[in-house]
Amino acid sequence: MTQRDTSAALAPQVRSLLLSMPRAKLPMTYQQVAIALGLKPPGTIQRVAQALEQLMEEDVAAGQPMIAALVVSRRGDHLPAVGFFEKAVALGRFPEDVEQHHARYAEERERALNTID
């Protein structure tokens, strides 16, 4: 893939990758997704994040669990980046109260995992 890959082109590939992964391999990190899709720097994590935001929009519009909840930061807290939470709030899927975000994320991740198999 080249840097010109758009989130529109990348999003279906990210969805396909996540849906094809065994549950035991999920969640994946942004970096693992980038490597699995053969993305080359610079900007690989940003491109993955943009594709995930598109998937969030699609999933919320379809009333489906956000598959983007299956991608986390490598920070060690097993949570997505801040942008995930901001987008989930903007889409109306998460409440604005940040105190509720981690619990809401755990629920969303479980719902997304239940789409795998």
PDB file of N, CA and C in Angstrom:
ATOM      1  N   MET A   1       0.838  -1.181   0.000  1.00  0.00           N
ATOM      2  CA  MET A   1       0.000   0.000   0.000  1.00  0.00           C
ATOM      3  C   MET A   1       0.883   1.244   0.000  1.00  0.00           C
ATOM      4  N   THR A   2       0.349   2.288  -0.529  1.00  0.00           N
ATOM      5  CA  THR A   2       1.085   3.542  -0.568  1.00  0.00           C
ATOM      6  C   THR A   2       0.463   4.546   0.386  1.00  0.00           C
ATOM      7  N   GLN A   3       1.152   5.659   0.577  1.00  0.00           N
ATOM      8  CA  GLN A   3       0.648   6.708   1.433  1.00  0.00           C
ATOM      9  C   GLN A   3      -0.640   7.303   0.904  1.00  0.00           C
ATOM     10  N   ARG A   4      -0.911   7.119  -0.354  1.00  0.00           N
ATOM     11  CA  ARG A   4      -2.121   7.698  -0.942  1.00  0.00           C
ATOM     12  C   ARG A   4      -3.376   6.907  -0.621  1.00  0.00           C
ATOM     13  N   ASP A   5      -3.192   5.771   0.051  1.00  0.00           N
ATOM     14  CA  ASP A   5      -4.371   4.994   0.438  1.00  0.00           C
ATOM     15  C   ASP A   5      -5.280   5.876   1.276  1.00  0.00           C
ATOM     16  N   THR A   6      -6.522   5.906   0.931  1.00  0.00           N
ATOM     17  CA  THR A   6      -7.470   6.720   1.684  1.00  0.00           C
ATOM     18  C   THR A   6      -8.148   5.863   2.734  1.00  0.00           C
ATOM     19  N   SER A   7      -8.744   6.523   3.719  1.00  0.00           N
ATOM     20  CA  SER A   7      -9.464   5.759   4.734  1.00  0.00           C
ATOM     21  C   SER A   7     -10.614   4.997   4.094  1.00  0.00           C
ATOM     22  N   ALA A   8     -11.175   5.547   3.019  1.00  0.00           N
ATOM     23  CA  ALA A   8     -12.275   4.859   2.329  1.00  0.00           C
ATOM     24  C   ALA A   8     -11.804   3.534   1.749  1.00  0.00           C
ATOM     25  N   ALA A   9     -10.598   3.513   1.223  1.00  0.00           N
ATOM     26  CA  ALA A   9     -10.059   2.278   0.657  1.00  0.00           C
ATOM     27  C   ALA A   9      -9.548   1.349   1.747  1.00  0.00           C
ATOM     28  N   LEU A  10      -9.028   1.927   2.805  1.00  0.00           N
ATOM     29  CA  LEU A  10      -8.430   1.136   3.869  1.00  0.00           C
ATOM     30  C   LEU A  10      -9.471   0.545   4.827  1.00  0.00           C
ATOM     31  N   ALA A  11     -10.558   1.242   5.047  1.00  0.00           N
ATOM     32  CA  ALA A  11     -11.559   0.806   6.033  1.00  0.00           C
ATOM     33  C   ALA A  11     -12.072  -0.616   5.784  1.00  0.00           C
ATOM     34  N   PRO A  12     -12.451  -0.974   4.552  1.00  0.00           N
ATOM     35  CA  PRO A  12     -12.936  -2.349   4.347  1.00  0.00           C
ATOM     36  C   PRO A  12     -11.853  -3.395   4.619  1.00  0.00           C
ATOM     37  N   GLN A  13     -10.609  -3.033   4.364  1.00  0.00           N
ATOM     38  CA  GLN A  13      -9.513  -3.963   4.637  1.00  0.00           C
ATOM     39  C   GLN A  13      -9.320  -4.149   6.138  1.00  0.00           C
ATOM     40  N   VAL A  14      -9.447  -3.059   6.888  1.00  0.00           N
ATOM     41  CA  VAL A  14      -9.339  -3.149   8.340  1.00  0.00           C
ATOM     42  C   VAL A  14     -10.487  -4.004   8.882  1.00  0.00           C
ATOM     43  N   ARG A  15     -11.703  -3.768   8.399  1.00  0.00           N
ATOM     44  CA  ARG A  15     -12.856  -4.556   8.851  1.00  0.00           C
ATOM     45  C   ARG A  15     -12.630  -6.045   8.554  1.00  0.00           C
ATOM     46  N   SER A  16     -12.207  -6.339   7.353  1.00  0.00           N
ATOM     47  CA  SER A  16     -11.973  -7.726   6.959  1.00  0.00           C
ATOM     48  C   SER A  16     -10.913  -8.377   7.843  1.00  0.00           C
ATOM     49  N   LEU A  17      -9.844  -7.652   8.114  1.00  0.00           N
ATOM     50  CA  LEU A  17      -8.779  -8.170   8.972  1.00  0.00           C
ATOM     51  C   LEU A  17      -9.329  -8.497  10.361  1.00  0.00           C
ATOM     52  N   LEU A  18     -10.035  -7.554  10.958  1.00  0.00           N
ATOM     53  CA  LEU A  18     -10.548  -7.753  12.312  1.00  0.00           C
ATOM     54  C   LEU A  18     -11.547  -8.909  12.372  1.00  0.00           C
ATOM     55  N   LEU A  19     -12.407  -9.002  11.370  1.00  0.00           N
ATOM     56  CA  LEU A  19     -13.401 -10.074  11.352  1.00  0.00           C
ATOM     57  C   LEU A  19     -12.782 -11.447  11.123  1.00  0.00           C
ATOM     58  N   SER A  20     -11.606 -11.476  10.509  1.00  0.00           N
ATOM     59  CA  SER A  20     -10.952 -12.752  10.220  1.00  0.00           C
ATOM     60  C   SER A  20     -10.030 -13.218  11.345  1.00  0.00           C
ATOM     61  N   MET A  21      -9.787 -12.360  12.319  1.00  0.00           N
ATOM     62  CA  MET A  21      -8.867 -12.713  13.403  1.00  0.00           C
ATOM     63  C   MET A  21      -9.552 -13.639  14.408  1.00  0.00           C
ATOM     64  N   PRO A  22      -8.816 -14.618  14.911  1.00  0.00           N
ATOM     65  CA  PRO A  22      -9.365 -15.425  16.007  1.00  0.00           C
ATOM     66  C   PRO A  22      -9.577 -14.524  17.230  1.00  0.00           C
ATOM     67  N   ARG A  23     -10.616 -14.786  17.984  1.00  0.00           N
ATOM     68  CA  ARG A  23     -10.912 -13.968  19.178  1.00  0.00           C
ATOM     69  C   ARG A  23      -9.716 -13.859  20.103  1.00  0.00           C
ATOM     70  N   ALA A  24      -8.934 -14.930  20.199  1.00  0.00           N
ATOM     71  CA  ALA A  24      -7.779 -14.935  21.107  1.00  0.00           C
ATOM     72  C   ALA A  24      -6.708 -13.928  20.692  1.00  0.00           C
ATOM     73  N   LYS A  25      -6.729 -13.485  19.444  1.00  0.00           N
ATOM     74  CA  LYS A  25      -5.738 -12.525  18.946  1.00  0.00           C
ATOM     75  C   LYS A  25      -6.236 -11.088  19.045  1.00  0.00           C
ATOM     76  N   LEU A  26      -7.422 -10.899  19.607  1.00  0.00           N
ATOM     77  CA  LEU A  26      -8.016  -9.570  19.705  1.00  0.00           C
ATOM     78  C   LEU A  26      -8.057  -9.120  21.157  1.00  0.00           C
ATOM     79  N   PRO A  27      -7.954  -7.850  21.424  1.00  0.00           N
ATOM     80  CA  PRO A  27      -7.794  -6.777  20.460  1.00  0.00           C
ATOM     81  C   PRO A  27      -6.378  -6.727  19.889  1.00  0.00           C
ATOM     82  N   MET A  28      -6.260  -6.052  18.761  1.00  0.00           N
ATOM     83  CA  MET A  28      -4.976  -5.799  18.116  1.00  0.00           C
ATOM     84  C   MET A  28      -4.572  -4.358  18.408  1.00  0.00           C
ATOM     85  N   THR A  29      -3.280  -4.077  18.309  1.00  0.00           N
ATOM     86  CA  THR A  29      -2.837  -2.687  18.427  1.00  0.00           C
ATOM     87  C   THR A  29      -2.923  -2.020  17.056  1.00  0.00           C
ATOM     88  N   TYR A  30      -2.910  -0.702  17.065  1.00  0.00           N
ATOM     89  CA  TYR A  30      -2.901   0.046  15.810  1.00  0.00           C
ATOM     90  C   TYR A  30      -1.700  -0.400  14.965  1.00  0.00           C
ATOM     91  N   GLN A  31      -0.567  -0.583  15.612  1.00  0.00           N
ATOM     92  CA  GLN A  31       0.638  -0.994  14.894  1.00  0.00           C
ATOM     93  C   GLN A  31       0.476  -2.391  14.295  1.00  0.00           C
ATOM     94  N   GLN A  32      -0.114  -3.314  15.034  1.00  0.00           N
ATOM     95  CA  GLN A  32      -0.331  -4.659  14.500  1.00  0.00           C
ATOM     96  C   GLN A  32      -1.230  -4.622  13.267  1.00  0.00           C
ATOM     97  N   VAL A  33      -2.247  -3.778  13.296  1.00  0.00           N
ATOM     98  CA  VAL A  33      -3.135  -3.636  12.137  1.00  0.00           C
ATOM     99  C   VAL A  33      -2.342  -3.100  10.951  1.00  0.00           C
ATOM    100  N   ALA A  34      -1.550  -2.062  11.185  1.00  0.00           N
ATOM    101  CA  ALA A  34      -0.754  -1.465  10.106  1.00  0.00           C
ATOM    102  C   ALA A  34       0.190  -2.490   9.489  1.00  0.00           C
ATOM    103  N   ILE A  35       0.852  -3.266  10.325  1.00  0.00           N
ATOM    104  CA  ILE A  35       1.783  -4.283   9.827  1.00  0.00           C
ATOM    105  C   ILE A  35       1.033  -5.369   9.069  1.00  0.00           C
ATOM    106  N   ALA A  36      -0.083  -5.833   9.613  1.00  0.00           N
ATOM    107  CA  ALA A  36      -0.864  -6.896   8.962  1.00  0.00           C
ATOM    108  C   ALA A  36      -1.355  -6.473   7.585  1.00  0.00           C
ATOM    109  N   LEU A  37      -1.612  -5.165   7.423  1.00  0.00           N
ATOM    110  CA  LEU A  37      -2.083  -4.658   6.129  1.00  0.00           C
ATOM    111  C   LEU A  37      -0.944  -4.221   5.222  1.00  0.00           C
ATOM    112  N   GLY A  38       0.278  -4.327   5.697  1.00  0.00           N
ATOM    113  CA  GLY A  38       1.439  -3.986   4.880  1.00  0.00           C
ATOM    114  C   GLY A  38       1.631  -2.492   4.671  1.00  0.00           C
ATOM    115  N   LEU A  39       1.132  -1.686   5.595  1.00  0.00           N
ATOM    116  CA  LEU A  39       1.294  -0.241   5.471  1.00  0.00           C
ATOM    117  C   LEU A  39       2.732   0.146   5.763  1.00  0.00           C
ATOM    118  N   LYS A  40       3.226   1.134   5.051  1.00  0.00           N
ATOM    119  CA  LYS A  40       4.589   1.619   5.217  1.00  0.00           C
ATOM    120  C   LYS A  40       4.576   3.038   5.773  1.00  0.00           C
ATOM    121  N   PRO A  41       5.518   3.342   6.683  1.00  0.00           N
ATOM    122  CA  PRO A  41       5.616   4.708   7.217  1.00  0.00           C
ATOM    123  C   PRO A  41       5.943   5.693   6.103  1.00  0.00           C
ATOM    124  N   PRO A  42       5.695   6.941   6.329  1.00  0.00           N
ATOM    125  CA  PRO A  42       5.179   7.542   7.558  1.00  0.00           C
ATOM    126  C   PRO A  42       3.653   7.532   7.586  1.00  0.00           C
ATOM    127  N   GLY A  43       3.107   7.810   8.740  1.00  0.00           N
ATOM    128  CA  GLY A  43       1.673   8.001   8.880  1.00  0.00           C
ATOM    129  C   GLY A  43       0.845   6.740   8.956  1.00  0.00           C
ATOM    130  N   THR A  44       1.460   5.612   9.242  1.00  0.00           N
ATOM    131  CA  THR A  44       0.690   4.361   9.234  1.00  0.00           C
ATOM    132  C   THR A  44      -0.379   4.339  10.327  1.00  0.00           C
ATOM    133  N   ILE A  45      -0.012   4.757  11.522  1.00  0.00           N
ATOM    134  CA  ILE A  45      -0.974   4.728  12.629  1.00  0.00           C
ATOM    135  C   ILE A  45      -2.114   5.709  12.358  1.00  0.00           C
ATOM    136  N   GLN A  46      -1.777   6.857  11.817  1.00  0.00           N
ATOM    137  CA  GLN A  46      -2.803   7.854  11.492  1.00  0.00           C
ATOM    138  C   GLN A  46      -3.772   7.306  10.452  1.00  0.00           C
ATOM    139  N   ARG A  47      -3.262   6.616   9.448  1.00  0.00           N
ATOM    140  CA  ARG A  47      -4.142   6.043   8.426  1.00  0.00           C
ATOM    141  C   ARG A  47      -5.041   4.967   9.002  1.00  0.00           C
ATOM    142  N   VAL A  48      -4.504   4.150   9.897  1.00  0.00           N
ATOM    143  CA  VAL A  48      -5.328   3.134  10.558  1.00  0.00           C
ATOM    144  C   VAL A  48      -6.409   3.819  11.384  1.00  0.00           C
ATOM    145  N   ALA A  49      -6.040   4.849  12.130  1.00  0.00           N
ATOM    146  CA  ALA A  49      -7.011   5.563  12.966  1.00  0.00           C
ATOM    147  C   ALA A  49      -8.116   6.184  12.118  1.00  0.00           C
ATOM    148  N   GLN A  50      -7.770   6.761  10.984  1.00  0.00           N
ATOM    149  CA  GLN A  50      -8.780   7.356  10.106  1.00  0.00           C
ATOM    150  C   GLN A  50      -9.716   6.286   9.549  1.00  0.00           C
ATOM    151  N   ALA A  51      -9.165   5.146   9.188  1.00  0.00           N
ATOM    152  CA  ALA A  51     -10.001   4.050   8.694  1.00  0.00           C
ATOM    153  C   ALA A  51     -10.931   3.552   9.804  1.00  0.00           C
ATOM    154  N   LEU A  52     -10.422   3.482  11.021  1.00  0.00           N
ATOM    155  CA  LEU A  52     -11.249   3.047  12.152  1.00  0.00           C
ATOM    156  C   LEU A  52     -12.373   4.040  12.420  1.00  0.00           C
ATOM    157  N   GLU A  53     -12.102   5.327  12.278  1.00  0.00           N
ATOM    158  CA  GLU A  53     -13.163   6.322  12.463  1.00  0.00           C
ATOM    159  C   GLU A  53     -14.252   6.149  11.417  1.00  0.00           C
ATOM    160  N   GLN A  54     -13.853   5.829  10.196  1.00  0.00           N
ATOM    161  CA  GLN A  54     -14.857   5.582   9.158  1.00  0.00           C
ATOM    162  C   GLN A  54     -15.696   4.359   9.524  1.00  0.00           C
ATOM    163  N   LEU A  55     -15.040   3.312  10.014  1.00  0.00           N
ATOM    164  CA  LEU A  55     -15.769   2.116  10.424  1.00  0.00           C
ATOM    165  C   LEU A  55     -16.733   2.420  11.570  1.00  0.00           C
ATOM    166  N   MET A  56     -16.323   3.289  12.482  1.00  0.00           N
ATOM    167  CA  MET A  56     -17.205   3.682  13.581  1.00  0.00           C
ATOM    168  C   MET A  56     -18.451   4.357  13.030  1.00  0.00           C
ATOM    169  N   GLU A  57     -18.273   5.252  12.073  1.00  0.00           N
ATOM    170  CA  GLU A  57     -19.418   5.928  11.464  1.00  0.00           C
ATOM    171  C   GLU A  57     -20.352   4.922  10.820  1.00  0.00           C
ATOM    172  N   GLU A  58     -19.790   3.985  10.070  1.00  0.00           N
ATOM    173  CA  GLU A  58     -20.598   2.970   9.385  1.00  0.00           C
ATOM    174  C   GLU A  58     -21.349   2.094  10.392  1.00  0.00           C
ATOM    175  N   ASP A  59     -20.647   1.660  11.424  1.00  0.00           N
ATOM    176  CA  ASP A  59     -21.260   0.756  12.394  1.00  0.00           C
ATOM    177  C   ASP A  59     -22.366   1.435  13.192  1.00  0.00           C
ATOM    178  N   VAL A  60     -22.141   2.672  13.610  1.00  0.00           N
ATOM    179  CA  VAL A  60     -23.168   3.395  14.352  1.00  0.00           C
ATOM    180  C   VAL A  60     -24.383   3.622  13.466  1.00  0.00           C
ATOM    181  N   ALA A  61     -24.154   4.012  12.216  1.00  0.00           N
ATOM    182  CA  ALA A  61     -25.263   4.243  11.283  1.00  0.00           C
ATOM    183  C   ALA A  61     -26.079   2.968  11.061  1.00  0.00           C
ATOM    184  N   ALA A  62     -25.401   1.814  11.104  1.00  0.00           N
ATOM    185  CA  ALA A  62     -26.075   0.529  10.886  1.00  0.00           C
ATOM    186  C   ALA A  62     -26.611  -0.081  12.189  1.00  0.00           C
ATOM    187  N   GLY A  63     -26.376   0.591  13.315  1.00  0.00           N
ATOM    188  CA  GLY A  63     -26.832   0.056  14.590  1.00  0.00           C
ATOM    189  C   GLY A  63     -26.052  -1.166  15.046  1.00  0.00           C
ATOM    190  N   GLN A  64     -24.826  -1.287  14.572  1.00  0.00           N
ATOM    191  CA  GLN A  64     -23.971  -2.435  14.886  1.00  0.00           C
ATOM    192  C   GLN A  64     -22.928  -2.060  15.936  1.00  0.00           C
ATOM    193  N   PRO A  65     -22.347  -3.065  16.597  1.00  0.00           N
ATOM    194  CA  PRO A  65     -21.228  -2.779  17.494  1.00  0.00           C
ATOM    195  C   PRO A  65     -20.075  -2.156  16.701  1.00  0.00           C
ATOM    196  N   MET A  66     -19.349  -1.276  17.339  1.00  0.00           N
ATOM    197  CA  MET A  66     -18.219  -0.628  16.666  1.00  0.00           C
ATOM    198  C   MET A  66     -17.020  -1.574  16.669  1.00  0.00           C
ATOM    199  N   ILE A  67     -16.717  -2.120  15.505  1.00  0.00           N
ATOM    200  CA  ILE A  67     -15.604  -3.050  15.391  1.00  0.00           C
ATOM    201  C   ILE A  67     -14.274  -2.362  15.715  1.00  0.00           C
ATOM    202  N   ALA A  68     -14.250  -1.044  15.617  1.00  0.00           N
ATOM    203  CA  ALA A  68     -13.049  -0.285  15.954  1.00  0.00           C
ATOM    204  C   ALA A  68     -12.655  -0.470  17.418  1.00  0.00           C
ATOM    205  N   ALA A  69     -13.573  -0.937  18.242  1.00  0.00           N
ATOM    206  CA  ALA A  69     -13.268  -1.191  19.657  1.00  0.00           C
ATOM    207  C   ALA A  69     -12.280  -2.342  19.816  1.00  0.00           C
ATOM    208  N   LEU A  70     -12.003  -3.051  18.739  1.00  0.00           N
ATOM    209  CA  LEU A  70     -11.074  -4.174  18.780  1.00  0.00           C
ATOM    210  C   LEU A  70      -9.645  -3.771  18.466  1.00  0.00           C
ATOM    211  N   VAL A  71      -9.389  -2.462  18.388  1.00  0.00           N
ATOM    212  CA  VAL A  71      -8.039  -1.953  18.138  1.00  0.00           C
ATOM    213  C   VAL A  71      -7.673  -1.014  19.281  1.00  0.00           C
ATOM    214  N   VAL A  72      -6.519  -1.289  19.887  1.00  0.00           N
ATOM    215  CA  VAL A  72      -6.098  -0.548  21.073  1.00  0.00           C
ATOM    216  C   VAL A  72      -4.693   0.019  20.892  1.00  0.00           C
ATOM    217  N   SER A  73      -4.375   0.940  21.769  1.00  0.00           N
ATOM    218  CA  SER A  73      -3.042   1.515  21.813  1.00  0.00           C
ATOM    219  C   SER A  73      -2.085   0.505  22.431  1.00  0.00           C
ATOM    220  N   ARG A  74      -0.833   0.622  22.134  1.00  0.00           N
ATOM    221  CA  ARG A  74       0.150  -0.285  22.730  1.00  0.00           C
ATOM    222  C   ARG A  74       0.644   0.213  24.083  1.00  0.00           C
ATOM    223  N   ARG A  75      -0.004   1.245  24.610  1.00  0.00           N
ATOM    224  CA  ARG A  75       0.390   1.841  25.891  1.00  0.00           C
ATOM    225  C   ARG A  75       0.403   0.836  27.031  1.00  0.00           C
ATOM    226  N   GLY A  76      -0.357  -0.206  26.962  1.00  0.00           N
ATOM    227  CA  GLY A  76      -0.393  -1.184  28.032  1.00  0.00           C
ATOM    228  C   GLY A  76      -1.681  -1.165  28.827  1.00  0.00           C
ATOM    229  N   ASP A  77      -2.531  -0.153  28.587  1.00  0.00           N
ATOM    230  CA  ASP A  77      -3.799  -0.101  29.313  1.00  0.00           C
ATOM    231  C   ASP A  77      -4.923  -0.802  28.552  1.00  0.00           C
ATOM    232  N   HIS A  78      -4.600  -1.321  27.375  1.00  0.00           N
ATOM    233  CA  HIS A  78      -5.552  -2.062  26.545  1.00  0.00           C
ATOM    234  C   HIS A  78      -6.787  -1.238  26.195  1.00  0.00           C
ATOM    235  N   LEU A  79      -6.565   0.042  25.954  1.00  0.00           N
ATOM    236  CA  LEU A  79      -7.639   0.943  25.547  1.00  0.00           C
ATOM    237  C   LEU A  79      -7.284   1.568  24.212  1.00  0.00           C
ATOM    238  N   PRO A  80      -8.291   1.957  23.452  1.00  0.00           N
ATOM    239  CA  PRO A  80      -8.015   2.697  22.216  1.00  0.00           C
ATOM    240  C   PRO A  80      -7.446   4.081  22.538  1.00  0.00           C
ATOM    241  N   ALA A  81      -6.972   4.736  21.518  1.00  0.00           N
ATOM    242  CA  ALA A  81      -6.478   6.107  21.651  1.00  0.00           C
ATOM    243  C   ALA A  81      -7.638   7.046  21.970  1.00  0.00           C
ATOM    244  N   VAL A  82      -7.303   8.224  22.445  1.00  0.00           N
ATOM    245  CA  VAL A  82      -8.291   9.233  22.832  1.00  0.00           C
ATOM    246  C   VAL A  82      -9.272   9.522  21.693  1.00  0.00           C
ATOM    247  N   GLY A  83      -8.783   9.509  20.461  1.00  0.00           N
ATOM    248  CA  GLY A  83      -9.641   9.792  19.315  1.00  0.00           C
ATOM    249  C   GLY A  83     -10.827   8.851  19.202  1.00  0.00           C
ATOM    250  N   PHE A  84     -10.654   7.609  19.624  1.00  0.00           N
ATOM    251  CA  PHE A  84     -11.766   6.653  19.611  1.00  0.00           C
ATOM    252  C   PHE A  84     -12.894   7.151  20.505  1.00  0.00           C
ATOM    253  N   PHE A  85     -12.538   7.570  21.700  1.00  0.00           N
ATOM    254  CA  PHE A  85     -13.547   8.030  22.655  1.00  0.00           C
ATOM    255  C   PHE A  85     -14.212   9.314  22.182  1.00  0.00           C
ATOM    256  N   GLU A  86     -13.415  10.220  21.620  1.00  0.00           N
ATOM    257  CA  GLU A  86     -13.971  11.470  21.095  1.00  0.00           C
ATOM    258  C   GLU A  86     -14.961  11.194  19.976  1.00  0.00           C
ATOM    259  N   LYS A  87     -14.605  10.284  19.082  1.00  0.00           N
ATOM    260  CA  LYS A  87     -15.484   9.943  17.963  1.00  0.00           C
ATOM    261  C   LYS A  87     -16.747   9.234  18.470  1.00  0.00           C
ATOM    262  N   ALA A  88     -16.600   8.340  19.440  1.00  0.00           N
ATOM    263  CA  ALA A  88     -17.757   7.632  19.987  1.00  0.00           C
ATOM    264  C   ALA A  88     -18.737   8.604  20.632  1.00  0.00           C
ATOM    265  N   VAL A  89     -18.228   9.632  21.294  1.00  0.00           N
ATOM    266  CA  VAL A  89     -19.088  10.668  21.882  1.00  0.00           C
ATOM    267  C   VAL A  89     -19.762  11.460  20.770  1.00  0.00           C
ATOM    268  N   ALA A  90     -18.975  11.872  19.767  1.00  0.00           N
ATOM    269  CA  ALA A  90     -19.515  12.669  18.656  1.00  0.00           C
ATOM    270  C   ALA A  90     -20.610  11.912  17.912  1.00  0.00           C
ATOM    271  N   LEU A  91     -20.496  10.603  17.842  1.00  0.00           N
ATOM    272  CA  LEU A  91     -21.489   9.775  17.152  1.00  0.00           C
ATOM    273  C   LEU A  91     -22.680   9.434  18.044  1.00  0.00           C
ATOM    274  N   GLY A  92     -22.616   9.832  19.303  1.00  0.00           N
ATOM    275  CA  GLY A  92     -23.711   9.558  20.224  1.00  0.00           C
ATOM    276  C   GLY A  92     -23.700   8.165  20.809  1.00  0.00           C
ATOM    277  N   ARG A  93     -22.647   7.417  20.601  1.00  0.00           N
ATOM    278  CA  ARG A  93     -22.573   6.046  21.121  1.00  0.00           C
ATOM    279  C   ARG A  93     -22.105   6.033  22.574  1.00  0.00           C
ATOM    280  N   PHE A  94     -21.252   6.983  22.951  1.00  0.00           N
ATOM    281  CA  PHE A  94     -20.768   7.086  24.326  1.00  0.00           C
ATOM    282  C   PHE A  94     -21.285   8.381  24.928  1.00  0.00           C
ATOM    283  N   PRO A  95     -21.482   8.392  26.250  1.00  0.00           N
ATOM    284  CA  PRO A  95     -21.886   9.625  26.917  1.00  0.00           C
ATOM    285  C   PRO A  95     -20.717  10.611  26.959  1.00  0.00           C
ATOM    286  N   GLU A  96     -21.022  11.869  27.157  1.00  0.00           N
ATOM    287  CA  GLU A  96     -19.968  12.881  27.247  1.00  0.00           C
ATOM    288  C   GLU A  96     -19.145  12.738  28.522  1.00  0.00           C
ATOM    289  N   ASP A  97     -19.721  12.185  29.567  1.00  0.00           N
ATOM    290  CA  ASP A  97     -19.038  12.031  30.848  1.00  0.00           C
ATOM    291  C   ASP A  97     -17.877  11.044  30.712  1.00  0.00           C
ATOM    292  N   VAL A  98     -16.648  11.563  30.747  1.00  0.00           N
ATOM    293  CA  VAL A  98     -15.467  10.722  30.567  1.00  0.00           C
ATOM    294  C   VAL A  98     -15.325   9.666  31.657  1.00  0.00           C
ATOM    295  N   GLU A  99     -15.948   9.881  32.807  1.00  0.00           N
ATOM    296  CA  GLU A  99     -15.895   8.897  33.889  1.00  0.00           C
ATOM    297  C   GLU A  99     -16.577   7.584  33.480  1.00  0.00           C
ATOM    298  N   GLN A 100     -17.445   7.643  32.505  1.00  0.00           N
ATOM    299  CA  GLN A 100     -18.171   6.458  32.053  1.00  0.00           C
ATOM    300  C   GLN A 100     -17.510   5.767  30.855  1.00  0.00           C
ATOM    301  N   HIS A 101     -16.496   6.385  30.279  1.00  0.00           N
ATOM    302  CA  HIS A 101     -15.930   5.887  29.027  1.00  0.00           C
ATOM    303  C   HIS A 101     -15.311   4.497  29.139  1.00  0.00           C
ATOM    304  N   HIS A 102     -14.554   4.217  30.184  1.00  0.00           N
ATOM    305  CA  HIS A 102     -13.889   2.920  30.262  1.00  0.00           C
ATOM    306  C   HIS A 102     -14.900   1.789  30.388  1.00  0.00           C
ATOM    307  N   ALA A 103     -15.911   1.978  31.219  1.00  0.00           N
ATOM    308  CA  ALA A 103     -16.938   0.942  31.359  1.00  0.00           C
ATOM    309  C   ALA A 103     -17.712   0.783  30.052  1.00  0.00           C
ATOM    310  N   ARG A 104     -18.031   1.888  29.420  1.00  0.00           N
ATOM    311  CA  ARG A 104     -18.768   1.841  28.148  1.00  0.00           C
ATOM    312  C   ARG A 104     -17.924   1.176  27.066  1.00  0.00           C
ATOM    313  N   TYR A 105     -16.616   1.452  27.084  1.00  0.00           N
ATOM    314  CA  TYR A 105     -15.716   0.816  26.128  1.00  0.00           C
ATOM    315  C   TYR A 105     -15.708  -0.703  26.337  1.00  0.00           C
ATOM    316  N   ALA A 106     -15.626  -1.151  27.574  1.00  0.00           N
ATOM    317  CA  ALA A 106     -15.606  -2.595  27.847  1.00  0.00           C
ATOM    318  C   ALA A 106     -16.858  -3.267  27.288  1.00  0.00           C
ATOM    319  N   GLU A 107     -18.001  -2.607  27.432  1.00  0.00           N
ATOM    320  CA  GLU A 107     -19.246  -3.143  26.875  1.00  0.00           C
ATOM    321  C   GLU A 107     -19.185  -3.195  25.353  1.00  0.00           C
ATOM    322  N   GLU A 108     -18.694  -2.119  24.755  1.00  0.00           N
ATOM    323  CA  GLU A 108     -18.626  -2.048  23.285  1.00  0.00           C
ATOM    324  C   GLU A 108     -17.661  -3.094  22.739  1.00  0.00           C
ATOM    325  N   ARG A 109     -16.526  -3.269  23.419  1.00  0.00           N
ATOM    326  CA  ARG A 109     -15.545  -4.268  22.992  1.00  0.00           C
ATOM    327  C   ARG A 109     -16.164  -5.658  23.026  1.00  0.00           C
ATOM    328  N   GLU A 110     -16.915  -5.976  24.083  1.00  0.00           N
ATOM    329  CA  GLU A 110     -17.565  -7.282  24.176  1.00  0.00           C
ATOM    330  C   GLU A 110     -18.585  -7.465  23.063  1.00  0.00           C
ATOM    331  N   ARG A 111     -19.357  -6.427  22.794  1.00  0.00           N
ATOM    332  CA  ARG A 111     -20.331  -6.508  21.701  1.00  0.00           C
ATOM    333  C   ARG A 111     -19.614  -6.762  20.367  1.00  0.00           C
ATOM    334  N   ALA A 112     -18.501  -6.066  20.157  1.00  0.00           N
ATOM    335  CA  ALA A 112     -17.746  -6.246  18.915  1.00  0.00           C
ATOM    336  C   ALA A 112     -17.147  -7.642  18.843  1.00  0.00           C
ATOM    337  N   LEU A 113     -16.617  -8.134  19.960  1.00  0.00           N
ATOM    338  CA  LEU A 113     -16.055  -9.496  19.978  1.00  0.00           C
ATOM    339  C   LEU A 113     -17.119 -10.529  19.645  1.00  0.00           C
ATOM    340  N   ASN A 114     -18.348 -10.268  20.030  1.00  0.00           N
ATOM    341  CA  ASN A 114     -19.432 -11.213  19.756  1.00  0.00           C
ATOM    342  C   ASN A 114     -19.796 -11.263  18.277  1.00  0.00           C
ATOM    343  N   THR A 115     -19.277 -10.339  17.480  1.00  0.00           N
ATOM    344  CA  THR A 115     -19.498 -10.390  16.028  1.00  0.00           C
ATOM    345  C   THR A 115     -18.468 -11.275  15.341  1.00  0.00           C
ATOM    346  N   ILE A 116     -17.432 -11.666  16.083  1.00  0.00           N
ATOM    347  CA  ILE A 116     -16.345 -12.499  15.537  1.00  0.00           C
ATOM    348  C   ILE A 116     -16.736 -13.967  15.719  1.00  0.00           C
ATOM    349  N   ASP A 117     -16.423 -14.771  14.747  1.00  0.00           N
ATOM    350  CA  ASP A 117     -16.584 -16.233  14.761  1.00  0.00           C
ATOM    351  C   ASP A 117     -17.169 -16.725  13.515  1.00  0.00           C
TER     352      ASP A 117
END
